[in-house]
């Protein structure tokens, strides 16, 4: 780990904080697998699987906070770190969709 990455570690936010941040303009980036995304996801979120995130980062807005999410928060933690390294303002939704559901966040999908 470089000294720069140590100082630029993304913060972790709860689902309740995320709901407020999304209302203020933050964008959710869901980094789960395609089949998980199709099953259930947060309305309005952008789906980019973690393995494709670096090559597809130019699809993301660079003028808004990006909140990464997965099922439990582990994959999205790495995604938030990667996005921070790429120069984005990113935060990880700790505990992911588990916490999102508990906080009463909306989900769509089949």
N, C-alpha and C. Protein backbone atom coordinates (compact mmCIF):
# COMPACT_ATOMS: atom_id res chain seq x y z
N UNK A 1 0.84 -1.18 0.00
CA UNK A 1 0.00 0.00 0.00
C UNK A 1 0.88 1.24 0.00
N UNK A 2 0.57 2.16 -0.87
CA UNK A 2 1.34 3.39 -0.94
C UNK A 2 0.86 4.35 0.14
N UNK A 3 1.70 5.31 0.45
CA UNK A 3 1.33 6.31 1.44
C UNK A 3 0.10 7.07 0.97
N UNK A 4 0.02 7.34 -0.33
CA UNK A 4 -1.13 8.07 -0.87
C UNK A 4 -2.42 7.31 -0.64
N UNK A 5 -2.42 6.00 -0.87
CA UNK A 5 -3.65 5.23 -0.69
C UNK A 5 -4.04 5.17 0.78
N UNK A 6 -3.06 5.20 1.66
CA UNK A 6 -3.37 5.19 3.09
C UNK A 6 -4.17 6.43 3.48
N UNK A 7 -3.77 7.57 2.96
CA UNK A 7 -4.43 8.82 3.31
C UNK A 7 -5.74 9.01 2.58
N UNK A 8 -5.95 8.30 1.48
CA UNK A 8 -7.15 8.50 0.69
C UNK A 8 -8.14 7.35 0.84
N UNK A 9 -8.08 6.63 1.93
CA UNK A 9 -9.02 5.51 2.14
C UNK A 9 -10.44 6.04 2.18
N UNK A 10 -11.35 5.39 1.48
CA UNK A 10 -12.74 5.86 1.48
C UNK A 10 -13.41 5.59 2.83
N UNK A 11 -14.37 6.41 3.12
CA UNK A 11 -15.10 6.21 4.37
C UNK A 11 -16.18 5.14 4.19
N UNK A 12 -16.61 4.59 5.29
CA UNK A 12 -17.73 3.66 5.29
C UNK A 12 -18.96 4.41 5.79
N UNK A 13 -20.09 4.16 5.15
CA UNK A 13 -21.34 4.80 5.55
C UNK A 13 -22.39 3.72 5.80
N UNK A 14 -23.29 4.01 6.69
CA UNK A 14 -24.38 3.07 6.98
C UNK A 14 -25.45 3.22 5.90
N UNK A 15 -26.38 2.29 5.89
CA UNK A 15 -27.49 2.38 4.95
C UNK A 15 -28.33 3.63 5.23
N UNK A 16 -28.56 3.92 6.51
CA UNK A 16 -29.34 5.12 6.86
C UNK A 16 -28.65 6.38 6.33
N UNK A 17 -27.32 6.47 6.50
CA UNK A 17 -26.57 7.61 5.95
C UNK A 17 -26.65 7.62 4.43
N UNK A 18 -26.58 6.44 3.83
CA UNK A 18 -26.63 6.34 2.37
C UNK A 18 -27.95 6.86 1.82
N UNK A 19 -29.04 6.54 2.50
CA UNK A 19 -30.36 7.02 2.06
C UNK A 19 -30.36 8.55 1.99
N UNK A 20 -29.78 9.19 3.01
CA UNK A 20 -29.69 10.66 3.02
C UNK A 20 -28.75 11.17 1.93
N UNK A 21 -27.61 10.50 1.76
CA UNK A 21 -26.64 10.93 0.74
C UNK A 21 -27.21 10.78 -0.67
N UNK A 22 -27.97 9.71 -0.91
CA UNK A 22 -28.59 9.49 -2.21
C UNK A 22 -29.62 10.60 -2.48
N UNK A 23 -30.40 10.95 -1.47
CA UNK A 23 -31.37 12.04 -1.61
C UNK A 23 -30.68 13.36 -1.95
N UNK A 24 -29.42 13.50 -1.50
CA UNK A 24 -28.65 14.72 -1.76
C UNK A 24 -27.86 14.64 -3.08
N UNK A 25 -27.99 13.51 -3.81
CA UNK A 25 -27.35 13.43 -5.13
C UNK A 25 -26.29 12.37 -5.31
N UNK A 26 -25.96 11.62 -4.27
CA UNK A 26 -24.97 10.55 -4.41
C UNK A 26 -25.51 9.46 -5.34
N UNK A 27 -24.60 8.73 -5.97
CA UNK A 27 -24.94 7.66 -6.91
C UNK A 27 -24.48 6.33 -6.32
N UNK A 28 -25.35 5.32 -6.36
CA UNK A 28 -25.01 3.99 -5.88
C UNK A 28 -24.40 3.19 -7.02
N UNK A 29 -23.26 2.55 -6.73
CA UNK A 29 -22.59 1.67 -7.70
C UNK A 29 -22.62 0.26 -7.12
N UNK A 30 -23.40 -0.60 -7.73
CA UNK A 30 -23.57 -1.98 -7.28
C UNK A 30 -22.52 -2.84 -7.99
N UNK A 31 -21.66 -3.49 -7.22
CA UNK A 31 -20.54 -4.24 -7.81
C UNK A 31 -20.73 -5.75 -7.74
N UNK A 32 -21.96 -6.20 -7.50
CA UNK A 32 -22.23 -7.65 -7.42
C UNK A 32 -22.30 -8.28 -8.80
N UNK A 33 -22.43 -9.60 -8.80
CA UNK A 33 -22.53 -10.35 -10.06
C UNK A 33 -23.87 -10.06 -10.74
N UNK A 34 -23.91 -10.30 -12.05
CA UNK A 34 -25.10 -10.03 -12.86
C UNK A 34 -26.36 -10.69 -12.29
N UNK A 35 -26.27 -11.97 -11.92
CA UNK A 35 -27.47 -12.66 -11.43
C UNK A 35 -27.97 -12.08 -10.11
N UNK A 36 -27.06 -11.63 -9.27
CA UNK A 36 -27.46 -11.00 -8.01
C UNK A 36 -28.15 -9.66 -8.27
N UNK A 37 -27.59 -8.90 -9.22
CA UNK A 37 -28.15 -7.61 -9.61
C UNK A 37 -29.58 -7.80 -10.13
N UNK A 38 -29.78 -8.78 -11.01
CA UNK A 38 -31.10 -9.00 -11.58
C UNK A 38 -32.13 -9.38 -10.51
N UNK A 39 -31.68 -10.12 -9.51
CA UNK A 39 -32.59 -10.56 -8.45
C UNK A 39 -33.15 -9.37 -7.68
N UNK A 40 -32.29 -8.52 -7.18
CA UNK A 40 -32.70 -7.35 -6.39
C UNK A 40 -31.60 -6.30 -6.43
N UNK A 41 -32.01 -5.03 -6.59
CA UNK A 41 -31.03 -3.95 -6.52
C UNK A 41 -31.72 -2.65 -6.10
N UNK A 42 -30.92 -1.69 -5.75
CA UNK A 42 -31.42 -0.38 -5.33
C UNK A 42 -31.85 0.39 -6.57
N UNK A 43 -33.05 0.95 -6.58
CA UNK A 43 -33.51 1.72 -7.74
C UNK A 43 -32.55 2.85 -8.08
N UNK A 44 -32.26 3.01 -9.36
CA UNK A 44 -31.38 4.08 -9.82
C UNK A 44 -29.89 3.79 -9.68
N UNK A 45 -29.54 2.63 -9.13
CA UNK A 45 -28.12 2.32 -8.98
C UNK A 45 -27.51 1.93 -10.32
N UNK A 46 -26.21 2.11 -10.41
CA UNK A 46 -25.45 1.72 -11.60
C UNK A 46 -24.81 0.37 -11.32
N UNK A 47 -24.97 -0.56 -12.24
CA UNK A 47 -24.40 -1.90 -12.03
C UNK A 47 -23.13 -2.05 -12.85
N UNK A 48 -22.01 -2.21 -12.16
CA UNK A 48 -20.73 -2.55 -12.78
C UNK A 48 -20.08 -3.59 -11.88
N UNK A 49 -20.03 -4.86 -12.34
CA UNK A 49 -19.38 -5.89 -11.51
C UNK A 49 -17.96 -5.48 -11.15
N UNK A 50 -17.53 -5.86 -9.96
CA UNK A 50 -16.21 -5.47 -9.46
C UNK A 50 -15.09 -5.77 -10.46
N UNK A 51 -15.15 -6.91 -11.11
CA UNK A 51 -14.09 -7.29 -12.05
C UNK A 51 -14.00 -6.34 -13.25
N UNK A 52 -15.05 -5.58 -13.53
CA UNK A 52 -15.07 -4.66 -14.67
C UNK A 52 -14.92 -3.20 -14.25
N UNK A 53 -14.84 -2.95 -12.97
CA UNK A 53 -14.92 -1.58 -12.46
C UNK A 53 -13.83 -0.66 -13.00
N UNK A 54 -12.61 -1.12 -12.99
CA UNK A 54 -11.52 -0.23 -13.45
C UNK A 54 -11.67 0.13 -14.92
N UNK A 55 -11.99 -0.86 -15.75
CA UNK A 55 -12.11 -0.59 -17.19
C UNK A 55 -13.36 0.20 -17.55
N UNK A 56 -14.37 0.19 -16.69
CA UNK A 56 -15.62 0.89 -16.98
C UNK A 56 -15.81 2.14 -16.13
N UNK A 57 -14.80 2.54 -15.40
CA UNK A 57 -14.92 3.68 -14.48
C UNK A 57 -15.32 4.96 -15.20
N UNK A 58 -14.99 5.08 -16.48
CA UNK A 58 -15.36 6.29 -17.21
C UNK A 58 -16.87 6.42 -17.41
N UNK A 59 -17.63 5.39 -17.10
CA UNK A 59 -19.10 5.44 -17.18
C UNK A 59 -19.70 6.12 -15.95
N UNK A 60 -18.88 6.37 -14.95
CA UNK A 60 -19.38 6.93 -13.68
C UNK A 60 -19.20 8.44 -13.63
N UNK A 61 -20.14 9.13 -13.00
CA UNK A 61 -19.99 10.59 -12.86
C UNK A 61 -18.83 10.91 -11.93
N UNK A 62 -18.06 11.93 -12.29
CA UNK A 62 -16.91 12.29 -11.45
C UNK A 62 -17.20 13.54 -10.61
N UNK A 63 -18.45 13.98 -10.63
CA UNK A 63 -18.81 15.18 -9.88
C UNK A 63 -19.80 14.90 -8.76
N UNK A 64 -19.98 13.61 -8.42
CA UNK A 64 -20.90 13.23 -7.36
C UNK A 64 -20.27 12.14 -6.50
N UNK A 65 -20.72 12.05 -5.27
CA UNK A 65 -20.25 10.98 -4.39
C UNK A 65 -20.75 9.65 -4.94
N UNK A 66 -19.87 8.67 -5.00
CA UNK A 66 -20.23 7.32 -5.41
C UNK A 66 -20.26 6.44 -4.17
N UNK A 67 -21.37 5.75 -3.96
CA UNK A 67 -21.52 4.83 -2.83
C UNK A 67 -21.51 3.43 -3.38
N UNK A 68 -20.47 2.68 -3.06
CA UNK A 68 -20.38 1.30 -3.57
C UNK A 68 -21.16 0.37 -2.66
N UNK A 69 -21.74 -0.67 -3.28
CA UNK A 69 -22.56 -1.61 -2.52
C UNK A 69 -22.43 -3.01 -3.08
N UNK A 70 -22.51 -3.99 -2.18
CA UNK A 70 -22.61 -5.40 -2.53
C UNK A 70 -23.56 -6.02 -1.51
N UNK A 71 -23.56 -7.30 -1.36
CA UNK A 71 -24.49 -7.93 -0.42
C UNK A 71 -24.15 -7.63 1.03
N UNK A 72 -22.87 -7.78 1.40
CA UNK A 72 -22.50 -7.63 2.81
C UNK A 72 -21.48 -6.55 3.10
N UNK A 73 -20.90 -5.91 2.09
CA UNK A 73 -19.96 -4.83 2.30
C UNK A 73 -18.51 -5.13 2.01
N UNK A 74 -18.16 -6.40 1.78
CA UNK A 74 -16.76 -6.75 1.56
C UNK A 74 -16.27 -6.37 0.17
N UNK A 75 -16.96 -6.82 -0.88
CA UNK A 75 -16.56 -6.48 -2.25
C UNK A 75 -16.62 -4.98 -2.47
N UNK A 76 -17.66 -4.36 -1.94
CA UNK A 76 -17.83 -2.93 -2.16
C UNK A 76 -16.76 -2.10 -1.44
N UNK A 77 -16.18 -2.62 -0.38
CA UNK A 77 -15.08 -1.94 0.28
C UNK A 77 -13.89 -1.83 -0.67
N UNK A 78 -13.56 -2.92 -1.33
CA UNK A 78 -12.49 -2.90 -2.33
C UNK A 78 -12.81 -1.99 -3.49
N UNK A 79 -14.08 -1.98 -3.90
CA UNK A 79 -14.51 -1.13 -5.01
C UNK A 79 -14.37 0.35 -4.65
N UNK A 80 -14.75 0.71 -3.43
CA UNK A 80 -14.61 2.11 -2.99
C UNK A 80 -13.14 2.52 -2.95
N UNK A 81 -12.28 1.62 -2.50
CA UNK A 81 -10.84 1.91 -2.48
C UNK A 81 -10.32 2.12 -3.90
N UNK A 82 -10.72 1.26 -4.83
CA UNK A 82 -10.29 1.40 -6.22
C UNK A 82 -10.77 2.72 -6.80
N UNK A 83 -12.02 3.05 -6.60
CA UNK A 83 -12.55 4.31 -7.14
C UNK A 83 -11.84 5.51 -6.54
N UNK A 84 -11.51 5.45 -5.26
CA UNK A 84 -10.76 6.53 -4.62
C UNK A 84 -9.39 6.67 -5.27
N UNK A 85 -8.73 5.54 -5.51
CA UNK A 85 -7.42 5.56 -6.18
C UNK A 85 -7.52 6.17 -7.58
N UNK A 86 -8.66 5.98 -8.23
CA UNK A 86 -8.87 6.51 -9.58
C UNK A 86 -9.31 7.98 -9.57
N UNK A 87 -9.43 8.55 -8.37
CA UNK A 87 -9.73 9.97 -8.26
C UNK A 87 -11.18 10.32 -7.99
N UNK A 88 -12.03 9.33 -7.78
CA UNK A 88 -13.43 9.59 -7.49
C UNK A 88 -13.63 9.83 -5.99
N UNK A 89 -14.70 10.52 -5.66
CA UNK A 89 -15.14 10.66 -4.28
C UNK A 89 -16.04 9.45 -4.02
N UNK A 90 -15.57 8.49 -3.24
CA UNK A 90 -16.30 7.25 -3.05
C UNK A 90 -16.40 6.89 -1.58
N UNK A 91 -17.48 6.21 -1.25
CA UNK A 91 -17.70 5.68 0.10
C UNK A 91 -18.26 4.27 -0.05
N UNK A 92 -18.02 3.45 0.93
CA UNK A 92 -18.53 2.08 0.94
C UNK A 92 -19.73 1.99 1.87
N UNK A 93 -20.82 1.37 1.37
CA UNK A 93 -21.95 1.12 2.26
C UNK A 93 -21.63 -0.13 3.06
N UNK A 94 -21.20 0.10 4.29
CA UNK A 94 -20.85 -1.02 5.18
C UNK A 94 -22.08 -1.89 5.40
N UNK A 95 -21.90 -3.19 5.39
CA UNK A 95 -22.95 -4.17 5.55
C UNK A 95 -23.90 -4.25 4.37
N UNK A 96 -23.69 -3.48 3.30
CA UNK A 96 -24.38 -3.63 2.03
C UNK A 96 -25.89 -3.75 2.08
N UNK A 97 -26.40 -4.61 1.21
CA UNK A 97 -27.84 -4.78 1.10
C UNK A 97 -28.47 -5.34 2.37
N UNK A 98 -27.68 -6.02 3.18
CA UNK A 98 -28.19 -6.52 4.46
C UNK A 98 -28.67 -5.34 5.30
N UNK A 99 -27.83 -4.33 5.43
CA UNK A 99 -28.16 -3.13 6.21
C UNK A 99 -29.21 -2.30 5.48
N UNK A 100 -29.13 -2.24 4.15
CA UNK A 100 -30.08 -1.46 3.35
C UNK A 100 -31.51 -1.93 3.61
N UNK A 101 -31.71 -3.23 3.56
CA UNK A 101 -33.05 -3.80 3.82
C UNK A 101 -33.49 -3.46 5.24
N UNK A 102 -32.59 -3.61 6.20
CA UNK A 102 -32.92 -3.35 7.60
C UNK A 102 -33.30 -1.88 7.82
N UNK A 103 -32.72 -0.98 7.03
CA UNK A 103 -33.00 0.45 7.15
C UNK A 103 -34.26 0.86 6.39
N UNK A 104 -34.88 -0.10 5.70
CA UNK A 104 -36.11 0.20 4.97
C UNK A 104 -35.88 0.74 3.58
N UNK A 105 -34.67 0.57 3.04
CA UNK A 105 -34.38 1.04 1.69
C UNK A 105 -35.14 0.25 0.64
N UNK A 106 -35.52 0.93 -0.44
CA UNK A 106 -36.26 0.30 -1.54
C UNK A 106 -35.36 -0.62 -2.35
N UNK A 107 -35.96 -1.68 -2.87
CA UNK A 107 -35.29 -2.60 -3.79
C UNK A 107 -36.23 -2.88 -4.95
N UNK A 108 -35.64 -3.09 -6.13
CA UNK A 108 -36.41 -3.49 -7.31
C UNK A 108 -35.77 -4.74 -7.89
N UNK A 109 -36.49 -5.41 -8.76
CA UNK A 109 -35.95 -6.60 -9.41
C UNK A 109 -36.94 -7.74 -9.33
N UNK A 110 -36.51 -8.84 -9.92
CA UNK A 110 -37.44 -9.93 -10.05
C UNK A 110 -37.23 -11.07 -9.20
